[in-house]
Amino acid sequence: MKLLGNRVHVRRVKRAKASTDGGILLPDIALDDLNTGGPKEYEVLAVGPGRRNRSGDPVPVEFAPGDRVICQSYFTGAHEMPDGTFIISDDMIMLVVPRQHAPEATH
């Protein structure tokens, strides 16, 4: 698959926590409810080359595959793929979640 323009292929990142801070176990349906409403986190799988400005010069996309991003709650104009991933435009992404670097091992 080759993405064109400012298109981005993303996969939803669901909350992995299966219990509350107080230790109450949450069923899968409750986790789904926690993941609805409000902005959602996605993993970038692939990006297109970016859009072009009025002069025809390329404007690169500001993130790369592997980045985690926060998107709008509801996509308009998004295409859902058969595997549950989405093709969206880069303007639907509100921010890039900073990558956390593992601490360096000491010997």
C-alpha atoms as a PDB file:
ATOM      1  CA  MET A   1       0.000   0.000   0.000  1.00  0.00           C
ATOM      2  CA  LYS A   2       1.344   3.433  -0.919  1.00  0.00           C
ATOM      3  CA  LEU A   3      -0.251   6.421   0.801  1.00  0.00           C
ATOM      4  CA  LEU A   4      -0.644   9.599  -1.212  1.00  0.00           C
ATOM      5  CA  GLY A   5      -0.428  13.223  -0.116  1.00  0.00           C
ATOM      6  CA  ASN A   6      -1.044  13.958   3.536  1.00  0.00           C
ATOM      7  CA  ARG A   7      -2.715  10.628   4.311  1.00  0.00           C
ATOM      8  CA  VAL A   8      -1.837   8.689   7.458  1.00  0.00           C
ATOM      9  CA  HIS A   9      -2.535   5.026   8.281  1.00  0.00           C
ATOM     10  CA  VAL A  10      -3.290   4.627  12.000  1.00  0.00           C
ATOM     11  CA  ARG A  11      -4.340   1.912  14.461  1.00  0.00           C
ATOM     12  CA  ARG A  12      -6.262   2.634  17.653  1.00  0.00           C
ATOM     13  CA  VAL A  13      -4.337   2.167  20.905  1.00  0.00           C
ATOM     14  CA  LYS A  14      -6.661   0.936  23.605  1.00  0.00           C
ATOM     15  CA  ARG A  15      -6.153   1.404  27.288  1.00  0.00           C
ATOM     16  CA  ALA A  16      -4.392  -1.692  28.590  1.00  0.00           C
ATOM     17  CA  LYS A  17      -5.194  -1.127  32.243  1.00  0.00           C
ATOM     18  CA  ALA A  18      -7.664  -3.785  33.397  1.00  0.00           C
ATOM     19  CA  SER A  19      -8.226  -2.414  36.898  1.00  0.00           C
ATOM     20  CA  THR A  20      -8.822   0.904  38.603  1.00  0.00           C
ATOM     21  CA  ASP A  21      -6.295   2.569  40.885  1.00  0.00           C
ATOM     22  CA  GLY A  22      -8.270   1.102  43.807  1.00  0.00           C
ATOM     23  CA  GLY A  23      -7.834  -2.441  42.445  1.00  0.00           C
ATOM     24  CA  ILE A  24     -11.332  -3.004  41.002  1.00  0.00           C
ATOM     25  CA  LEU A  25     -11.087  -5.307  37.979  1.00  0.00           C
ATOM     26  CA  LEU A  26     -12.735  -3.958  34.836  1.00  0.00           C
ATOM     27  CA  PRO A  27     -14.398  -6.208  32.236  1.00  0.00           C
ATOM     28  CA  ASP A  28     -13.620  -5.731  28.530  1.00  0.00           C
ATOM     29  CA  ILE A  29     -16.897  -3.871  27.950  1.00  0.00           C
ATOM     30  CA  ALA A  30     -15.927  -1.286  30.567  1.00  0.00           C
ATOM     31  CA  LEU A  31     -12.536  -0.796  28.905  1.00  0.00           C
ATOM     32  CA  ASP A  32     -14.324  -0.137  25.619  1.00  0.00           C
ATOM     33  CA  ASP A  33     -16.494   2.463  27.368  1.00  0.00           C
ATOM     34  CA  LEU A  34     -13.393   4.132  28.826  1.00  0.00           C
ATOM     35  CA  ASN A  35     -11.959   4.363  25.331  1.00  0.00           C
ATOM     36  CA  THR A  36     -14.963   6.204  23.903  1.00  0.00           C
ATOM     37  CA  GLY A  37     -15.595   9.908  24.058  1.00  0.00           C
ATOM     38  CA  GLY A  38     -12.922  12.543  23.845  1.00  0.00           C
ATOM     39  CA  PRO A  39      -9.689  12.449  21.875  1.00  0.00           C
ATOM     40  CA  LYS A  40      -8.202   9.026  21.243  1.00  0.00           C
ATOM     41  CA  GLU A  41      -4.672   7.675  20.967  1.00  0.00           C
ATOM     42  CA  TYR A  42      -3.467   5.990  17.772  1.00  0.00           C
ATOM     43  CA  GLU A  43      -0.253   4.441  16.541  1.00  0.00           C
ATOM     44  CA  VAL A  44       1.002   5.688  13.173  1.00  0.00           C
ATOM     45  CA  LEU A  45       1.553   2.739  10.837  1.00  0.00           C
ATOM     46  CA  ALA A  46       2.497   4.632   7.645  1.00  0.00           C
ATOM     47  CA  VAL A  47       2.503   8.175   6.264  1.00  0.00           C
ATOM     48  CA  GLY A  48       2.260   9.671   2.800  1.00  0.00           C
ATOM     49  CA  PRO A  49       4.849  12.103   1.447  1.00  0.00           C
ATOM     50  CA  GLY A  50       2.846  15.141   2.599  1.00  0.00           C
ATOM     51  CA  ARG A  51       0.859  17.841   0.874  1.00  0.00           C
ATOM     52  CA  ARG A  52       2.218  20.528  -1.434  1.00  0.00           C
ATOM     53  CA  ASN A  53       2.087  24.249  -0.750  1.00  0.00           C
ATOM     54  CA  ARG A  54       0.902  26.852  -3.278  1.00  0.00           C
ATOM     55  CA  SER A  55       4.350  26.967  -4.877  1.00  0.00           C
ATOM     56  CA  GLY A  56       4.267  23.204  -5.404  1.00  0.00           C
ATOM     57  CA  ASP A  57       6.943  22.524  -2.801  1.00  0.00           C
ATOM     58  CA  PRO A  58       6.382  19.453  -0.587  1.00  0.00           C
ATOM     59  CA  VAL A  59       5.339  20.041   3.021  1.00  0.00           C
ATOM     60  CA  PRO A  60       6.435  16.907   4.908  1.00  0.00           C
ATOM     61  CA  VAL A  61       4.267  15.210   7.509  1.00  0.00           C
ATOM     62  CA  GLU A  62       5.434  15.957  11.072  1.00  0.00           C
ATOM     63  CA  PHE A  63       5.409  12.392  12.400  1.00  0.00           C
ATOM     64  CA  ALA A  64       6.668   8.964  11.407  1.00  0.00           C
ATOM     65  CA  PRO A  65       5.578   5.335  11.627  1.00  0.00           C
ATOM     66  CA  GLY A  66       5.752   4.138  15.228  1.00  0.00           C
ATOM     67  CA  ASP A  67       4.759   7.520  16.696  1.00  0.00           C
ATOM     68  CA  ARG A  68       1.762   7.703  19.013  1.00  0.00           C
ATOM     69  CA  VAL A  69      -0.664  10.506  18.206  1.00  0.00           C
ATOM     70  CA  ILE A  70      -3.835  11.973  19.686  1.00  0.00           C
ATOM     71  CA  CYS A  71      -6.655  12.433  17.173  1.00  0.00           C
ATOM     72  CA  GLN A  72     -10.042  14.061  17.138  1.00  0.00           C
ATOM     73  CA  SER A  73     -12.896  12.059  18.666  1.00  0.00           C
ATOM     74  CA  TYR A  74     -14.715  11.521  15.405  1.00  0.00           C
ATOM     75  CA  PHE A  75     -13.179  11.209  11.969  1.00  0.00           C
ATOM     76  CA  THR A  76     -14.914  12.861   9.050  1.00  0.00           C
ATOM     77  CA  GLY A  77     -13.725  11.641   5.693  1.00  0.00           C
ATOM     78  CA  ALA A  78     -11.724   8.786   7.205  1.00  0.00           C
ATOM     79  CA  HIS A  79     -11.656   5.386   5.559  1.00  0.00           C
ATOM     80  CA  GLU A  80     -11.861   2.325   7.785  1.00  0.00           C
ATOM     81  CA  MET A  81      -9.845  -0.605   6.490  1.00  0.00           C
ATOM     82  CA  PRO A  82     -11.069  -4.234   6.792  1.00  0.00           C
ATOM     83  CA  ASP A  83      -8.580  -4.864   9.628  1.00  0.00           C
ATOM     84  CA  GLY A  84     -10.037  -2.038  11.754  1.00  0.00           C
ATOM     85  CA  THR A  85      -7.277   0.486  11.016  1.00  0.00           C
ATOM     86  CA  PHE A  86      -7.984   3.901   9.499  1.00  0.00           C
ATOM     87  CA  ILE A  87      -6.679   6.084   6.700  1.00  0.00           C
ATOM     88  CA  ILE A  88      -7.005   9.724   7.785  1.00  0.00           C
ATOM     89  CA  SER A  89      -5.572  13.083   6.757  1.00  0.00           C
ATOM     90  CA  ASP A  90      -2.800  14.603   8.846  1.00  0.00           C
ATOM     91  CA  ASP A  91      -4.973  17.554   9.912  1.00  0.00           C
ATOM     92  CA  MET A  92      -7.088  15.185  12.048  1.00  0.00           C
ATOM     93  CA  ILE A  93      -4.080  14.679  14.346  1.00  0.00           C
ATOM     94  CA  MET A  94      -3.911  17.110  17.267  1.00  0.00           C
ATOM     95  CA  LEU A  95      -0.549  16.163  18.824  1.00  0.00           C
ATOM     96  CA  VAL A  96       2.271  13.657  18.865  1.00  0.00           C
ATOM     97  CA  VAL A  97       2.785  11.837  22.166  1.00  0.00           C
ATOM     98  CA  PRO A  98       6.469  12.134  23.103  1.00  0.00           C
ATOM     99  CA  ARG A  99       8.348   8.845  23.010  1.00  0.00           C
ATOM    100  CA  GLN A 100       9.623   7.711  26.361  1.00  0.00           C
ATOM    101  CA  HIS A 101      13.229   6.685  26.197  1.00  0.00           C
ATOM    102  CA  ALA A 102      14.331   3.716  28.261  1.00  0.00           C
ATOM    103  CA  PRO A 103      16.937   4.609  30.858  1.00  0.00           C
ATOM    104  CA  GLU A 104      20.439   3.642  29.859  1.00  0.00           C
ATOM    105  CA  ALA A 105      21.715   0.463  31.476  1.00  0.00           C
ATOM    106  CA  THR A 106      24.567   0.880  33.876  1.00  0.00           C
ATOM    107  CA  HIS A 107      27.230  -1.769  34.221  1.00  0.00           C
END
